[in-house]
ModelCIF file with pLDDT and N, C-alpha, C, O atoms, coordinates in Angstrom:
data_MODEL
#
_entry.id   MODEL 
#
_entity.id                         1 
_entity.type                       polymer 
_entity.pdbx_number_of_molecules   1 
#
_entity_poly.entity_id                      1 
_entity_poly.type                           'polypeptide(L)' 
_entity_poly.nstd_linkage                   no 
_entity_poly.nstd_monomer                   no 
_entity_poly.pdbx_seq_one_letter_code       ESKTTDSINVPLFQNGDVAGYLVTNFIYNIDVSDSTKLSLPPDIFIL 
_entity_poly.pdbx_seq_one_letter_code_can   ESKTTDSINVPLFQNGDVAGYLVTNFIYNIDVSDSTKLSLPPDIFIL 
_entity_poly.pdbx_strand_id                 A 
#
loop_
_entity_poly_seq.entity_id 
_entity_poly_seq.num 
_entity_poly_seq.mon_id 
_entity_poly_seq.hetero 
1 1  GLU n 
1 2  SER n 
1 3  LYS n 
1 4  THR n 
1 5  THR n 
1 6  ASP n 
1 7  SER n 
1 8  ILE n 
1 9  ASN n 
1 10 VAL n 
1 11 PRO n 
1 12 LEU n 
1 13 PHE n 
1 14 GLN n 
1 15 ASN n 
1 16 GLY n 
1 17 ASP n 
1 18 VAL n 
1 19 ALA n 
1 20 GLY n 
1 21 TYR n 
1 22 LEU n 
1 23 VAL n 
1 24 THR n 
1 25 ASN n 
1 26 PHE n 
1 27 ILE n 
1 28 TYR n 
1 29 ASN n 
1 30 ILE n 
1 31 ASP n 
1 32 VAL n 
1 33 SER n 
1 34 ASP n 
1 35 SER n 
1 36 THR n 
1 37 LYS n 
1 38 LEU n 
1 39 SER n 
1 40 LEU n 
1 41 PRO n 
1 42 PRO n 
1 43 ASP n 
1 44 ILE n 
1 45 PHE n 
1 46 ILE n 
1 47 LEU n 
#
_struct_asym.id          A 
_struct_asym.entity_id   1 
#
loop_
_ma_qa_metric.id 
_ma_qa_metric.mode 
_ma_qa_metric.name 
_ma_qa_metric.software_group_id 
_ma_qa_metric.type 
1 global pLDDT . pLDDT 
2 local  pLDDT . pLDDT 
#
_ma_qa_metric_global.metric_id      1 
_ma_qa_metric_global.metric_value   93.89 
_ma_qa_metric_global.model_id       1 
_ma_qa_metric_global.ordinal_id     1 
#
loop_
_ma_qa_metric_local.label_asym_id 
_ma_qa_metric_local.label_comp_id 
_ma_qa_metric_local.label_seq_id 
_ma_qa_metric_local.metric_id 
_ma_qa_metric_local.metric_value 
_ma_qa_metric_local.model_id 
_ma_qa_metric_local.ordinal_id 
A GLU 1  2 94.00 1 1  
A SER 2  2 96.00 1 2  
A LYS 3  2 96.00 1 3  
A THR 4  2 97.00 1 4  
A THR 5  2 98.00 1 5  
A ASP 6  2 97.00 1 6  
A SER 7  2 97.00 1 7  
A ILE 8  2 97.00 1 8  
A ASN 9  2 96.00 1 9  
A VAL 10 2 96.00 1 10 
A PRO 11 2 95.00 1 11 
A LEU 12 2 93.00 1 12 
A PHE 13 2 90.00 1 13 
A GLN 14 2 86.00 1 14 
A ASN 15 2 86.00 1 15 
A GLY 16 2 87.00 1 16 
A ASP 17 2 90.00 1 17 
A VAL 18 2 92.00 1 18 
A ALA 19 2 92.00 1 19 
A GLY 20 2 94.00 1 20 
A TYR 21 2 95.00 1 21 
A LEU 22 2 95.00 1 22 
A VAL 23 2 96.00 1 23 
A THR 24 2 96.00 1 24 
A ASN 25 2 96.00 1 25 
A PHE 26 2 98.00 1 26 
A ILE 27 2 98.00 1 27 
A TYR 28 2 97.00 1 28 
A ASN 29 2 97.00 1 29 
A ILE 30 2 96.00 1 30 
A ASP 31 2 93.00 1 31 
A VAL 32 2 91.00 1 32 
A SER 33 2 90.00 1 33 
A ASP 34 2 89.00 1 34 
A SER 35 2 87.00 1 35 
A THR 36 2 88.00 1 36 
A LYS 37 2 91.00 1 37 
A LEU 38 2 93.00 1 38 
A SER 39 2 91.00 1 39 
A LEU 40 2 92.00 1 40 
A PRO 41 2 94.00 1 41 
A PRO 42 2 96.00 1 42 
A ASP 43 2 96.00 1 43 
A ILE 44 2 96.00 1 44 
A PHE 45 2 97.00 1 45 
A ILE 46 2 98.00 1 46 
A LEU 47 2 98.00 1 47 
#
loop_
_atom_site.group_PDB 
_atom_site.id 
_atom_site.type_symbol 
_atom_site.label_atom_id 
_atom_site.label_alt_id 
_atom_site.label_comp_id 
_atom_site.label_asym_id 
_atom_site.label_entity_id 
_atom_site.label_seq_id 
_atom_site.pdbx_PDB_ins_code 
_atom_site.Cartn_x 
_atom_site.Cartn_y 
_atom_site.Cartn_z 
_atom_site.occupancy 
_atom_site.B_iso_or_equiv 
_atom_site.pdbx_formal_charge 
_atom_site.auth_seq_id 
_atom_site.auth_comp_id 
_atom_site.auth_asym_id 
_atom_site.auth_atom_id 
_atom_site.pdbx_PDB_model_num 
ATOM 1   N N  . GLU A 1 1  ? 79.012 96.473  84.143  1.00 94.00 ? 1  GLU A N  1 
ATOM 2   C CA . GLU A 1 1  ? 78.802 95.652  85.331  1.00 94.00 ? 1  GLU A CA 1 
ATOM 3   C C  . GLU A 1 1  ? 78.399 96.561  86.482  1.00 94.00 ? 1  GLU A C  1 
ATOM 4   O O  . GLU A 1 1  ? 78.758 97.737  86.527  1.00 94.00 ? 1  GLU A O  1 
ATOM 5   N N  . SER A 1 2  ? 77.652 95.992  87.401  1.00 96.00 ? 2  SER A N  1 
ATOM 6   C CA . SER A 1 2  ? 77.214 96.720  88.586  1.00 96.00 ? 2  SER A CA 1 
ATOM 7   C C  . SER A 1 2  ? 78.032 96.248  89.778  1.00 96.00 ? 2  SER A C  1 
ATOM 8   O O  . SER A 1 2  ? 78.256 95.053  89.970  1.00 96.00 ? 2  SER A O  1 
ATOM 9   N N  . LYS A 1 3  ? 78.469 97.212  90.567  1.00 96.00 ? 3  LYS A N  1 
ATOM 10  C CA . LYS A 1 3  ? 79.229 96.911  91.777  1.00 96.00 ? 3  LYS A CA 1 
ATOM 11  C C  . LYS A 1 3  ? 78.587 97.642  92.944  1.00 96.00 ? 3  LYS A C  1 
ATOM 12  O O  . LYS A 1 3  ? 78.009 98.716  92.775  1.00 96.00 ? 3  LYS A O  1 
ATOM 13  N N  . THR A 1 4  ? 78.692 97.061  94.114  1.00 97.00 ? 4  THR A N  1 
ATOM 14  C CA . THR A 1 4  ? 78.111 97.642  95.318  1.00 97.00 ? 4  THR A CA 1 
ATOM 15  C C  . THR A 1 4  ? 79.212 98.151  96.235  1.00 97.00 ? 4  THR A C  1 
ATOM 16  O O  . THR A 1 4  ? 80.205 97.464  96.470  1.00 97.00 ? 4  THR A O  1 
ATOM 17  N N  . THR A 1 5  ? 79.029 99.352  96.746  1.00 98.00 ? 5  THR A N  1 
ATOM 18  C CA . THR A 1 5  ? 79.994 99.919  97.687  1.00 98.00 ? 5  THR A CA 1 
ATOM 19  C C  . THR A 1 5  ? 79.720 99.387  99.089  1.00 98.00 ? 5  THR A C  1 
ATOM 20  O O  . THR A 1 5  ? 78.672 98.800  99.355  1.00 98.00 ? 5  THR A O  1 
ATOM 21  N N  . ASP A 1 6  ? 80.675 99.604  99.966  1.00 97.00 ? 6  ASP A N  1 
ATOM 22  C CA . ASP A 1 6  ? 80.432 99.379  101.384 1.00 97.00 ? 6  ASP A CA 1 
ATOM 23  C C  . ASP A 1 6  ? 79.438 100.434 101.867 1.00 97.00 ? 6  ASP A C  1 
ATOM 24  O O  . ASP A 1 6  ? 79.121 101.373 101.137 1.00 97.00 ? 6  ASP A O  1 
ATOM 25  N N  . SER A 1 7  ? 78.959 100.280 103.069 1.00 97.00 ? 7  SER A N  1 
ATOM 26  C CA . SER A 1 7  ? 78.068 101.274 103.668 1.00 97.00 ? 7  SER A CA 1 
ATOM 27  C C  . SER A 1 7  ? 78.897 102.373 104.334 1.00 97.00 ? 7  SER A C  1 
ATOM 28  O O  . SER A 1 7  ? 80.024 102.149 104.773 1.00 97.00 ? 7  SER A O  1 
ATOM 29  N N  . ILE A 1 8  ? 78.307 103.557 104.393 1.00 97.00 ? 8  ILE A N  1 
ATOM 30  C CA . ILE A 1 8  ? 78.892 104.638 105.177 1.00 97.00 ? 8  ILE A CA 1 
ATOM 31  C C  . ILE A 1 8  ? 77.867 105.094 106.198 1.00 97.00 ? 8  ILE A C  1 
ATOM 32  O O  . ILE A 1 8  ? 76.659 104.998 105.979 1.00 97.00 ? 8  ILE A O  1 
ATOM 33  N N  . ASN A 1 9  ? 78.372 105.591 107.315 1.00 96.00 ? 9  ASN A N  1 
ATOM 34  C CA . ASN A 1 9  ? 77.532 106.128 108.382 1.00 96.00 ? 9  ASN A CA 1 
ATOM 35  C C  . ASN A 1 9  ? 77.840 107.611 108.499 1.00 96.00 ? 9  ASN A C  1 
ATOM 36  O O  . ASN A 1 9  ? 78.947 108.000 108.870 1.00 96.00 ? 9  ASN A O  1 
ATOM 37  N N  . VAL A 1 10 ? 76.856 108.427 108.182 1.00 96.00 ? 10 VAL A N  1 
ATOM 38  C CA . VAL A 1 10 ? 77.039 109.877 108.222 1.00 96.00 ? 10 VAL A CA 1 
ATOM 39  C C  . VAL A 1 10 ? 76.295 110.420 109.439 1.00 96.00 ? 10 VAL A C  1 
ATOM 40  O O  . VAL A 1 10 ? 75.079 110.263 109.542 1.00 96.00 ? 10 VAL A O  1 
ATOM 41  N N  . PRO A 1 11 ? 77.023 111.062 110.367 1.00 95.00 ? 11 PRO A N  1 
ATOM 42  C CA . PRO A 1 11 ? 76.327 111.601 111.544 1.00 95.00 ? 11 PRO A CA 1 
ATOM 43  C C  . PRO A 1 11 ? 75.436 112.775 111.170 1.00 95.00 ? 11 PRO A C  1 
ATOM 44  O O  . PRO A 1 11 ? 75.806 113.629 110.365 1.00 95.00 ? 11 PRO A O  1 
ATOM 45  N N  . LEU A 1 12 ? 74.259 112.797 111.770 1.00 93.00 ? 12 LEU A N  1 
ATOM 46  C CA . LEU A 1 12 ? 73.326 113.916 111.590 1.00 93.00 ? 12 LEU A CA 1 
ATOM 47  C C  . LEU A 1 12 ? 73.195 114.621 112.937 1.00 93.00 ? 12 LEU A C  1 
ATOM 48  O O  . LEU A 1 12 ? 73.016 113.988 113.978 1.00 93.00 ? 12 LEU A O  1 
ATOM 49  N N  . PHE A 1 13 ? 73.289 115.931 112.887 1.00 90.00 ? 13 PHE A N  1 
ATOM 50  C CA . PHE A 1 13 ? 73.294 116.726 114.110 1.00 90.00 ? 13 PHE A CA 1 
ATOM 51  C C  . PHE A 1 13 ? 71.981 117.487 114.285 1.00 90.00 ? 13 PHE A C  1 
ATOM 52  O O  . PHE A 1 13 ? 71.375 117.944 113.316 1.00 90.00 ? 13 PHE A O  1 
ATOM 53  N N  . GLN A 1 14 ? 71.561 117.610 115.526 1.00 86.00 ? 14 GLN A N  1 
ATOM 54  C CA . GLN A 1 14 ? 70.440 118.463 115.905 1.00 86.00 ? 14 GLN A CA 1 
ATOM 55  C C  . GLN A 1 14 ? 70.862 119.189 117.169 1.00 86.00 ? 14 GLN A C  1 
ATOM 56  O O  . GLN A 1 14 ? 71.268 118.562 118.147 1.00 86.00 ? 14 GLN A O  1 
ATOM 57  N N  . ASN A 1 15 ? 70.767 120.507 117.149 1.00 86.00 ? 15 ASN A N  1 
ATOM 58  C CA . ASN A 1 15 ? 71.159 121.336 118.297 1.00 86.00 ? 15 ASN A CA 1 
ATOM 59  C C  . ASN A 1 15 ? 72.598 121.071 118.752 1.00 86.00 ? 15 ASN A C  1 
ATOM 60  O O  . ASN A 1 15 ? 72.893 121.101 119.946 1.00 86.00 ? 15 ASN A O  1 
ATOM 61  N N  . GLY A 1 16 ? 73.476 120.816 117.802 1.00 87.00 ? 16 GLY A N  1 
ATOM 62  C CA . GLY A 1 16 ? 74.886 120.628 118.100 1.00 87.00 ? 16 GLY A CA 1 
ATOM 63  C C  . GLY A 1 16 ? 75.284 119.247 118.575 1.00 87.00 ? 16 GLY A C  1 
ATOM 64  O O  . GLY A 1 16 ? 76.468 118.998 118.803 1.00 87.00 ? 16 GLY A O  1 
ATOM 65  N N  . ASP A 1 17 ? 74.337 118.345 118.730 1.00 90.00 ? 17 ASP A N  1 
ATOM 66  C CA . ASP A 1 17 ? 74.632 116.982 119.183 1.00 90.00 ? 17 ASP A CA 1 
ATOM 67  C C  . ASP A 1 17 ? 74.295 115.985 118.078 1.00 90.00 ? 17 ASP A C  1 
ATOM 68  O O  . ASP A 1 17 ? 73.432 116.239 117.237 1.00 90.00 ? 17 ASP A O  1 
ATOM 69  N N  . VAL A 1 18 ? 74.987 114.846 118.094 1.00 92.00 ? 18 VAL A N  1 
ATOM 70  C CA . VAL A 1 18 ? 74.668 113.783 117.141 1.00 92.00 ? 18 VAL A CA 1 
ATOM 71  C C  . VAL A 1 18 ? 73.294 113.220 117.496 1.00 92.00 ? 18 VAL A C  1 
ATOM 72  O O  . VAL A 1 18 ? 73.076 112.732 118.604 1.00 92.00 ? 18 VAL A O  1 
ATOM 73  N N  . ALA A 1 19 ? 72.388 113.296 116.550 1.00 92.00 ? 19 ALA A N  1 
ATOM 74  C CA . ALA A 1 19 ? 71.041 112.776 116.762 1.00 92.00 ? 19 ALA A CA 1 
ATOM 75  C C  . ALA A 1 19 ? 70.926 111.336 116.274 1.00 92.00 ? 19 ALA A C  1 
ATOM 76  O O  . ALA A 1 19 ? 70.096 110.565 116.758 1.00 92.00 ? 19 ALA A O  1 
ATOM 77  N N  . GLY A 1 20 ? 71.776 110.987 115.304 1.00 94.00 ? 20 GLY A N  1 
ATOM 78  C CA . GLY A 1 20 ? 71.725 109.657 114.723 1.00 94.00 ? 20 GLY A CA 1 
ATOM 79  C C  . GLY A 1 20 ? 72.619 109.602 113.506 1.00 94.00 ? 20 GLY A C  1 
ATOM 80  O O  . GLY A 1 20 ? 73.451 110.480 113.278 1.00 94.00 ? 20 GLY A O  1 
ATOM 81  N N  . TYR A 1 21 ? 72.430 108.556 112.733 1.00 95.00 ? 21 TYR A N  1 
ATOM 82  C CA . TYR A 1 21 ? 73.306 108.329 111.586 1.00 95.00 ? 21 TYR A CA 1 
ATOM 83  C C  . TYR A 1 21 ? 72.485 107.981 110.347 1.00 95.00 ? 21 TYR A C  1 
ATOM 84  O O  . TYR A 1 21 ? 71.516 107.224 110.409 1.00 95.00 ? 21 TYR A O  1 
ATOM 85  N N  . LEU A 1 22 ? 72.895 108.548 109.242 1.00 95.00 ? 22 LEU A N  1 
ATOM 86  C CA . LEU A 1 22 ? 72.348 108.176 107.947 1.00 95.00 ? 22 LEU A CA 1 
ATOM 87  C C  . LEU A 1 22 ? 73.245 107.057 107.430 1.00 95.00 ? 22 LEU A C  1 
ATOM 88  O O  . LEU A 1 22 ? 74.441 107.263 107.226 1.00 95.00 ? 22 LEU A O  1 
ATOM 89  N N  . VAL A 1 23 ? 72.682 105.897 107.220 1.00 96.00 ? 23 VAL A N  1 
ATOM 90  C CA . VAL A 1 23 ? 73.436 104.736 106.754 1.00 96.00 ? 23 VAL A CA 1 
ATOM 91  C C  . VAL A 1 23 ? 73.035 104.494 105.306 1.00 96.00 ? 23 VAL A C  1 
ATOM 92  O O  . VAL A 1 23 ? 71.862 104.284 104.996 1.00 96.00 ? 23 VAL A O  1 
ATOM 93  N N  . THR A 1 24 ? 74.025 104.529 104.431 1.00 96.00 ? 24 THR A N  1 
ATOM 94  C CA . THR A 1 24 ? 73.721 104.385 103.009 1.00 96.00 ? 24 THR A CA 1 
ATOM 95  C C  . THR A 1 24 ? 74.834 103.647 102.284 1.00 96.00 ? 24 THR A C  1 
ATOM 96  O O  . THR A 1 24 ? 75.994 103.686 102.693 1.00 96.00 ? 24 THR A O  1 
ATOM 97  N N  . ASN A 1 25 ? 74.468 102.986 101.220 1.00 96.00 ? 25 ASN A N  1 
ATOM 98  C CA . ASN A 1 25 ? 75.449 102.451 100.289 1.00 96.00 ? 25 ASN A CA 1 
ATOM 99  C C  . ASN A 1 25 ? 74.872 102.517 98.883  1.00 96.00 ? 25 ASN A C  1 
ATOM 100 O O  . ASN A 1 25 ? 73.678 102.748 98.690  1.00 96.00 ? 25 ASN A O  1 
ATOM 101 N N  . PHE A 1 26 ? 75.745 102.310 97.911  1.00 98.00 ? 26 PHE A N  1 
ATOM 102 C CA . PHE A 1 26 ? 75.400 102.598 96.534  1.00 98.00 ? 26 PHE A CA 1 
ATOM 103 C C  . PHE A 1 26 ? 75.758 101.430 95.620  1.00 98.00 ? 26 PHE A C  1 
ATOM 104 O O  . PHE A 1 26 ? 76.594 100.587 95.945  1.00 98.00 ? 26 PHE A O  1 
ATOM 105 N N  . ILE A 1 27 ? 75.103 101.413 94.482  1.00 98.00 ? 27 ILE A N  1 
ATOM 106 C CA . ILE A 1 27 ? 75.454 100.525 93.382  1.00 98.00 ? 27 ILE A CA 1 
ATOM 107 C C  . ILE A 1 27 ? 75.887 101.443 92.249  1.00 98.00 ? 27 ILE A C  1 
ATOM 108 O O  . ILE A 1 27 ? 75.226 102.442 91.967  1.00 98.00 ? 27 ILE A O  1 
ATOM 109 N N  . TYR A 1 28 ? 76.981 101.111 91.607  1.00 97.00 ? 28 TYR A N  1 
ATOM 110 C CA . TYR A 1 28 ? 77.403 101.918 90.470  1.00 97.00 ? 28 TYR A CA 1 
ATOM 111 C C  . TYR A 1 28 ? 77.636 101.015 89.269  1.00 97.00 ? 28 TYR A C  1 
ATOM 112 O O  . TYR A 1 28 ? 78.008 99.849  89.406  1.00 97.00 ? 28 TYR A O  1 
ATOM 113 N N  . ASN A 1 29 ? 77.408 101.581 88.092  1.00 97.00 ? 29 ASN A N  1 
ATOM 114 C CA . ASN A 1 29 ? 77.593 100.862 86.836  1.00 97.00 ? 29 ASN A CA 1 
ATOM 115 C C  . ASN A 1 29 ? 78.830 101.411 86.142  1.00 97.00 ? 29 ASN A C  1 
ATOM 116 O O  . ASN A 1 29 ? 79.013 102.623 86.026  1.00 97.00 ? 29 ASN A O  1 
ATOM 117 N N  . ILE A 1 30 ? 79.670 100.497 85.685  1.00 96.00 ? 30 ILE A N  1 
ATOM 118 C CA . ILE A 1 30 ? 80.912 100.870 85.022  1.00 96.00 ? 30 ILE A CA 1 
ATOM 119 C C  . ILE A 1 30 ? 81.185 99.864  83.909  1.00 96.00 ? 30 ILE A C  1 
ATOM 120 O O  . ILE A 1 30 ? 80.893 98.676  84.048  1.00 96.00 ? 30 ILE A O  1 
ATOM 121 N N  . ASP A 1 31 ? 81.745 100.347 82.807  1.00 93.00 ? 31 ASP A N  1 
ATOM 122 C CA . ASP A 1 31 ? 82.156 99.474  81.709  1.00 93.00 ? 31 ASP A CA 1 
ATOM 123 C C  . ASP A 1 31 ? 83.344 98.645  82.207  1.00 93.00 ? 31 ASP A C  1 
ATOM 124 O O  . ASP A 1 31 ? 84.286 99.192  82.781  1.00 93.00 ? 31 ASP A O  1 
ATOM 125 N N  . VAL A 1 32 ? 83.300 97.345  81.991  1.00 91.00 ? 32 VAL A N  1 
ATOM 126 C CA . VAL A 1 32 ? 84.355 96.454  82.458  1.00 91.00 ? 32 VAL A CA 1 
ATOM 127 C C  . VAL A 1 32 ? 85.714 96.901  81.919  1.00 91.00 ? 32 VAL A C  1 
ATOM 128 O O  . VAL A 1 32 ? 86.703 96.877  82.652  1.00 91.00 ? 32 VAL A O  1 
ATOM 129 N N  . SER A 1 33 ? 85.777 97.303  80.666  1.00 90.00 ? 33 SER A N  1 
ATOM 130 C CA . SER A 1 33 ? 87.060 97.725  80.095  1.00 90.00 ? 33 SER A CA 1 
ATOM 131 C C  . SER A 1 33 ? 87.562 99.012  80.748  1.00 90.00 ? 33 SER A C  1 
ATOM 132 O O  . SER A 1 33 ? 88.771 99.215  80.859  1.00 90.00 ? 33 SER A O  1 
ATOM 133 N N  . ASP A 1 34 ? 86.654 99.878  81.178  1.00 89.00 ? 34 ASP A N  1 
ATOM 134 C CA . ASP A 1 34 ? 87.054 101.105 81.872  1.00 89.00 ? 34 ASP A CA 1 
ATOM 135 C C  . ASP A 1 34 ? 87.611 100.794 83.262  1.00 89.00 ? 34 ASP A C  1 
ATOM 136 O O  . ASP A 1 34 ? 88.572 101.421 83.708  1.00 89.00 ? 34 ASP A O  1 
ATOM 137 N N  . SER A 1 35 ? 87.005 99.828  83.937  1.00 87.00 ? 35 SER A N  1 
ATOM 138 C CA . SER A 1 35 ? 87.432 99.537  85.307  1.00 87.00 ? 35 SER A CA 1 
ATOM 139 C C  . SER A 1 35 ? 88.875 99.042  85.347  1.00 87.00 ? 35 SER A C  1 
ATOM 140 O O  . SER A 1 35 ? 89.565 99.237  86.348  1.00 87.00 ? 35 SER A O  1 
ATOM 141 N N  . THR A 1 36 ? 89.335 98.412  84.283  1.00 88.00 ? 36 THR A N  1 
ATOM 142 C CA . THR A 1 36 ? 90.719 97.928  84.258  1.00 88.00 ? 36 THR A CA 1 
ATOM 143 C C  . THR A 1 36 ? 91.718 99.059  84.038  1.00 88.00 ? 36 THR A C  1 
ATOM 144 O O  . THR A 1 36 ? 92.913 98.876  84.271  1.00 88.00 ? 36 THR A O  1 
ATOM 145 N N  . LYS A 1 37 ? 91.253 100.214 83.597  1.00 91.00 ? 37 LYS A N  1 
ATOM 146 C CA . LYS A 1 37 ? 92.129 101.363 83.348  1.00 91.00 ? 37 LYS A CA 1 
ATOM 147 C C  . LYS A 1 37 ? 92.403 102.168 84.618  1.00 91.00 ? 37 LYS A C  1 
ATOM 148 O O  . LYS A 1 37 ? 93.312 102.998 84.643  1.00 91.00 ? 37 LYS A O  1 
ATOM 149 N N  . LEU A 1 38 ? 91.629 101.929 85.656  1.00 93.00 ? 38 LEU A N  1 
ATOM 150 C CA . LEU A 1 38 ? 91.732 102.731 86.873  1.00 93.00 ? 38 LEU A CA 1 
ATOM 151 C C  . LEU A 1 38 ? 92.731 102.123 87.846  1.00 93.00 ? 38 LEU A C  1 
ATOM 152 O O  . LEU A 1 38 ? 92.756 100.908 88.046  1.00 93.00 ? 38 LEU A O  1 
ATOM 153 N N  . SER A 1 39 ? 93.549 102.972 88.447  1.00 91.00 ? 39 SER A N  1 
ATOM 154 C CA . SER A 1 39 ? 94.530 102.478 89.405  1.00 91.00 ? 39 SER A CA 1 
ATOM 155 C C  . SER A 1 39 ? 93.921 102.276 90.801  1.00 91.00 ? 39 SER A C  1 
ATOM 156 O O  . SER A 1 39 ? 94.465 101.529 91.614  1.00 91.00 ? 39 SER A O  1 
ATOM 157 N N  . LEU A 1 40 ? 92.805 102.937 91.070  1.00 92.00 ? 40 LEU A N  1 
ATOM 158 C CA . LEU A 1 40 ? 92.096 102.797 92.342  1.00 92.00 ? 40 LEU A CA 1 
ATOM 159 C C  . LEU A 1 40 ? 90.633 102.468 92.058  1.00 92.00 ? 40 LEU A C  1 
ATOM 160 O O  . LEU A 1 40 ? 90.084 102.902 91.045  1.00 92.00 ? 40 LEU A O  1 
ATOM 161 N N  . PRO A 1 41 ? 90.006 101.710 92.940  1.00 94.00 ? 41 PRO A N  1 
ATOM 162 C CA . PRO A 1 41 ? 88.589 101.397 92.724  1.00 94.00 ? 41 PRO A CA 1 
ATOM 163 C C  . PRO A 1 41 ? 87.727 102.645 92.903  1.00 94.00 ? 41 PRO A C  1 
ATOM 164 O O  . PRO A 1 41 ? 87.988 103.447 93.799  1.00 94.00 ? 41 PRO A O  1 
ATOM 165 N N  . PRO A 1 42 ? 86.709 102.820 92.071  1.00 96.00 ? 42 PRO A N  1 
ATOM 166 C CA . PRO A 1 42 ? 85.832 103.991 92.179  1.00 96.00 ? 42 PRO A CA 1 
ATOM 167 C C  . PRO A 1 42 ? 85.103 104.072 93.517  1.00 96.00 ? 42 PRO A C  1 
ATOM 168 O O  . PRO A 1 42 ? 84.682 105.157 93.920  1.00 96.00 ? 42 PRO A O  1 
ATOM 169 N N  . ASP A 1 43 ? 84.948 102.962 94.203  1.00 96.00 ? 43 ASP A N  1 
ATOM 170 C CA . ASP A 1 43 ? 84.212 102.928 95.473  1.00 96.00 ? 43 ASP A CA 1 
ATOM 171 C C  . ASP A 1 43 ? 84.698 103.994 96.453  1.00 96.00 ? 43 ASP A C  1 
ATOM 172 O O  . ASP A 1 43 ? 83.892 104.681 97.080  1.00 96.00 ? 43 ASP A O  1 
ATOM 173 N N  . ILE A 1 44 ? 86.014 104.128 96.583  1.00 96.00 ? 44 ILE A N  1 
ATOM 174 C CA . ILE A 1 44 ? 86.540 105.054 97.582  1.00 96.00 ? 44 ILE A CA 1 
ATOM 175 C C  . ILE A 1 44 ? 86.157 106.495 97.254  1.00 96.00 ? 44 ILE A C  1 
ATOM 176 O O  . ILE A 1 44 ? 85.929 107.299 98.157  1.00 96.00 ? 44 ILE A O  1 
ATOM 177 N N  . PHE A 1 45 ? 86.088 106.819 95.979  1.00 97.00 ? 45 PHE A N  1 
ATOM 178 C CA . PHE A 1 45 ? 85.697 108.170 95.576  1.00 97.00 ? 45 PHE A CA 1 
ATOM 179 C C  . PHE A 1 45 ? 84.198 108.375 95.733  1.00 97.00 ? 45 PHE A C  1 
ATOM 180 O O  . PHE A 1 45 ? 83.749 109.452 96.126  1.00 97.00 ? 45 PHE A O  1 
ATOM 181 N N  . ILE A 1 46 ? 83.418 107.329 95.421  1.00 98.00 ? 46 ILE A N  1 
ATOM 182 C CA . ILE A 1 46 ? 81.960 107.411 95.561  1.00 98.00 ? 46 ILE A CA 1 
ATOM 183 C C  . ILE A 1 46 ? 81.594 107.644 97.021  1.00 98.00 ? 46 ILE A C  1 
ATOM 184 O O  . ILE A 1 46 ? 80.776 108.511 97.327  1.00 98.00 ? 46 ILE A O  1 
ATOM 185 N N  . LEU A 1 47 ? 82.194 106.875 97.919  1.00 98.00 ? 47 LEU A N  1 
ATOM 186 C CA . LEU A 1 47 ? 81.875 107.019 99.343  1.00 98.00 ? 47 LEU A CA 1 
ATOM 187 C C  . LEU A 1 47 ? 82.360 108.355 99.893  1.00 98.00 ? 47 LEU A C  1 
ATOM 188 O O  . LEU A 1 47 ? 82.174 108.640 101.076 1.00 98.00 ? 47 LEU A O  1 
#
């Protein structure tokens, strides 16, 4: 199954100041039977 993560905002710096943000999110594929074995959702580790 495919699952979508939340978005993250990563600050990008130029000359020591925040110039802007890289905004990204991901889709990951996981076996349904594997996902039930995990105590925490993979999303937090992916982000």
